[in-house]
Amino acid sequence: MVMLQRWHEISFFHWSCDPAILKPRIPEGITLDTFDGKAWISLTPFLLCGLRPPLVPRLLGLDFPEMNLRTYVVGAEGPGIWCFSLDAARRIAVALPGQAMACEVQHAPWDLAQVRILQFEENVRRAMGVEFPSKDFVAHFSTGVDAKIGRRTRCIM
């Protein structure tokens, strides 16, 4: 493993759409992962905690907010995510991943809770050119999971 981190206090805001809306935004060689014939886009804000190499104690790791706008895809190596946007309060978080890179990621299953939204506004989808009307809007929350990030390999996902 190259890095350890915790994805803490993470929310998932999901919108469904016709896959034809997102297909032009996905590179050749990967396909949209659909559910009941629908593609999904997700906005995921969270606090990244303890970003560090494996032998460094968690207390010495970096903590900062992060958010990504993504869809779910399938490539030659299996299922994954395609990020339209990766925003973080630390340059290292956005300089390392890159959309044309893949990393092995290991974490425990999510303990998700459904949430009730009283008021919600966002402009990330519009800014990234993937805003669309959707009848399906689903929101979840998790206290988080610890994650192990492996070496990056050059690929299309």
Protein backbone atom coordinates (compact mmCIF):
# COMPACT_ATOMS: atom_id res chain seq x y z
CA MET A 1 0.00 0.00 0.00
CA VAL A 2 1.17 3.48 -0.86
CA MET A 3 -1.14 5.63 1.27
CA LEU A 4 -3.53 5.25 4.18
CA GLN A 5 -6.49 7.54 4.84
CA ARG A 6 -9.99 7.75 6.27
CA TRP A 7 -12.97 8.97 4.31
CA HIS A 8 -14.81 10.56 7.23
CA GLU A 9 -18.34 11.96 7.47
CA ILE A 10 -19.11 11.29 3.82
CA SER A 11 -22.34 12.07 2.03
CA PHE A 12 -23.51 10.62 -1.27
CA PHE A 13 -25.97 12.60 -3.40
CA HIS A 14 -27.06 10.53 -6.43
CA TRP A 15 -28.99 11.52 -9.57
CA SER A 16 -30.03 9.08 -12.29
CA CYS A 17 -30.05 9.82 -16.01
CA ASP A 18 -30.27 8.27 -19.43
CA PRO A 19 -26.80 6.83 -20.15
CA ALA A 20 -26.76 8.72 -23.48
CA ILE A 21 -26.36 11.98 -21.51
CA LEU A 22 -23.07 10.89 -19.90
CA LYS A 23 -21.64 8.64 -22.62
CA PRO A 24 -20.03 11.52 -24.60
CA ARG A 25 -18.16 12.55 -21.41
CA ILE A 26 -16.60 9.09 -20.90
CA PRO A 27 -13.50 8.02 -22.87
CA GLU A 28 -13.59 5.10 -25.28
CA GLY A 29 -12.67 1.80 -23.68
CA ILE A 30 -14.81 2.22 -20.60
CA THR A 31 -18.57 1.94 -20.35
CA LEU A 32 -21.11 3.36 -17.95
CA ASP A 33 -22.14 1.01 -15.17
CA THR A 34 -25.94 1.16 -15.17
CA PHE A 35 -28.64 0.02 -12.77
CA ASP A 36 -32.10 -0.71 -14.19
CA GLY A 37 -30.96 0.89 -17.44
CA LYS A 38 -29.99 4.18 -15.77
CA ALA A 39 -26.59 5.79 -15.32
CA TRP A 40 -25.92 7.58 -12.04
CA ILE A 41 -23.88 10.63 -11.13
CA SER A 42 -22.86 11.27 -7.53
CA LEU A 43 -21.64 14.27 -5.59
CA THR A 44 -19.60 13.09 -2.58
CA PRO A 45 -18.35 15.65 -0.04
CA PHE A 46 -16.31 14.29 2.87
CA LEU A 47 -13.45 14.94 5.25
CA LEU A 48 -10.28 13.10 4.28
CA CYS A 49 -8.42 12.27 7.51
CA GLY A 50 -4.96 10.95 8.19
CA LEU A 51 -3.58 10.92 4.62
CA ARG A 52 -0.14 9.38 5.04
CA PRO A 53 2.29 6.66 3.97
CA PRO A 54 1.78 3.31 5.74
CA LEU A 55 4.52 3.64 8.39
CA VAL A 56 3.55 7.18 9.46
CA PRO A 57 1.20 7.43 12.48
CA ARG A 58 -2.35 8.67 11.75
CA LEU A 59 -1.83 11.73 13.97
CA LEU A 60 0.86 12.98 11.58
CA GLY A 61 -1.35 12.57 8.51
CA LEU A 62 -3.07 15.38 6.63
CA ASP A 63 -6.76 16.22 7.23
CA PHE A 64 -8.76 18.28 4.73
CA PRO A 65 -12.18 18.49 3.05
CA GLU A 66 -12.62 16.89 -0.35
CA MET A 67 -15.47 16.54 -2.81
CA ASN A 68 -15.84 14.72 -6.08
CA LEU A 69 -18.44 14.54 -8.81
CA ARG A 70 -18.38 11.11 -10.40
CA THR A 71 -20.16 8.41 -12.30
CA TYR A 72 -19.82 4.65 -12.14
CA VAL A 73 -18.02 2.84 -14.96
CA VAL A 74 -16.65 -0.53 -16.04
CA GLY A 75 -13.24 -0.86 -17.69
CA ALA A 76 -10.83 -3.64 -18.57
CA GLU A 77 -9.94 -4.12 -14.90
CA GLY A 78 -13.56 -4.16 -13.72
CA PRO A 79 -15.86 -1.62 -12.05
CA GLY A 80 -14.63 1.80 -10.97
CA ILE A 81 -15.51 5.48 -10.88
CA TRP A 82 -14.89 8.28 -13.36
CA CYS A 83 -14.41 11.69 -11.71
CA PHE A 84 -15.69 14.73 -13.55
CA SER A 85 -14.33 16.86 -10.73
CA LEU A 86 -12.04 16.29 -7.75
CA ASP A 87 -11.84 19.26 -5.41
CA ALA A 88 -9.78 19.32 -2.23
CA ALA A 89 -8.31 21.82 0.19
CA ARG A 90 -4.82 20.33 -0.36
CA ARG A 91 -3.03 20.31 -3.72
CA ILE A 92 -1.54 16.88 -3.09
CA ALA A 93 -5.00 15.29 -3.24
CA VAL A 94 -5.82 16.64 -6.69
CA ALA A 95 -2.31 16.45 -8.12
CA LEU A 96 -1.90 12.74 -7.48
CA PRO A 97 -5.00 10.94 -8.80
CA GLY A 98 -5.57 12.13 -12.36
CA GLN A 99 -8.47 10.83 -14.40
CA ALA A 100 -6.23 8.67 -16.58
CA MET A 101 -4.85 6.80 -13.59
CA ALA A 102 -6.18 3.86 -11.63
CA CYS A 103 -5.38 2.93 -8.06
CA GLU A 104 -6.18 -0.18 -6.13
CA VAL A 105 -8.43 0.90 -3.28
CA GLN A 106 -9.29 -1.32 -0.32
CA HIS A 107 -11.87 -0.49 2.33
CA ALA A 108 -14.51 -2.14 4.45
CA PRO A 109 -18.13 -2.11 3.22
CA TRP A 110 -19.92 1.20 3.72
CA ASP A 111 -22.33 1.50 6.64
CA LEU A 112 -24.84 3.75 4.86
CA ALA A 113 -27.82 5.57 6.30
CA GLN A 114 -30.51 7.14 4.15
CA VAL A 115 -31.03 10.83 4.88
CA ARG A 116 -33.89 13.26 4.49
CA ILE A 117 -32.98 16.44 2.63
CA LEU A 118 -34.72 19.59 3.83
CA GLN A 119 -32.90 22.01 1.54
CA PHE A 120 -30.22 21.32 -1.05
CA GLU A 121 -28.39 23.56 -3.49
CA GLU A 122 -25.34 22.79 -5.60
CA ASN A 123 -23.78 24.08 -8.79
CA VAL A 124 -21.02 21.52 -9.35
CA ARG A 125 -22.97 19.54 -11.96
CA ARG A 126 -23.65 22.71 -13.95
CA ALA A 127 -20.01 23.83 -13.68
CA MET A 128 -18.81 20.44 -14.96
CA GLY A 129 -21.37 20.34 -17.80
CA VAL A 130 -23.31 17.34 -16.50
CA GLU A 131 -26.45 18.97 -15.13
CA PHE A 132 -29.71 17.36 -16.22
CA PRO A 133 -33.24 16.91 -14.90
CA SER A 134 -33.71 13.73 -12.85
CA LYS A 135 -36.74 12.08 -11.32
CA ASP A 136 -34.45 9.99 -9.10
CA PHE A 137 -32.55 11.70 -6.30
CA VAL A 138 -31.14 9.55 -3.51
CA ALA A 139 -28.99 10.67 -0.57
CA HIS A 140 -26.94 8.61 1.86
CA PHE A 141 -24.54 9.33 4.70
CA SER A 142 -21.76 7.33 6.33
CA THR A 143 -19.55 8.04 9.32
CA GLY A 144 -16.77 6.78 7.07
CA VAL A 145 -14.31 4.01 6.32
CA ASP A 146 -10.55 3.55 6.52
CA ALA A 147 -8.99 3.11 3.09
CA LYS A 148 -5.73 1.73 1.73
CA ILE A 149 -4.59 3.16 -1.59
CA GLY A 150 -2.26 1.12 -3.80
CA ARG A 151 0.15 2.13 -6.53
CA ARG A 152 -1.17 4.00 -9.52
CA THR A 153 -1.05 2.44 -12.95
CA ARG A 154 -1.53 4.25 -16.24
CA CYS A 155 -4.81 3.30 -17.86
CA ILE A 156 -8.03 4.86 -19.07
CA MET A 157 -9.88 4.74 -15.77
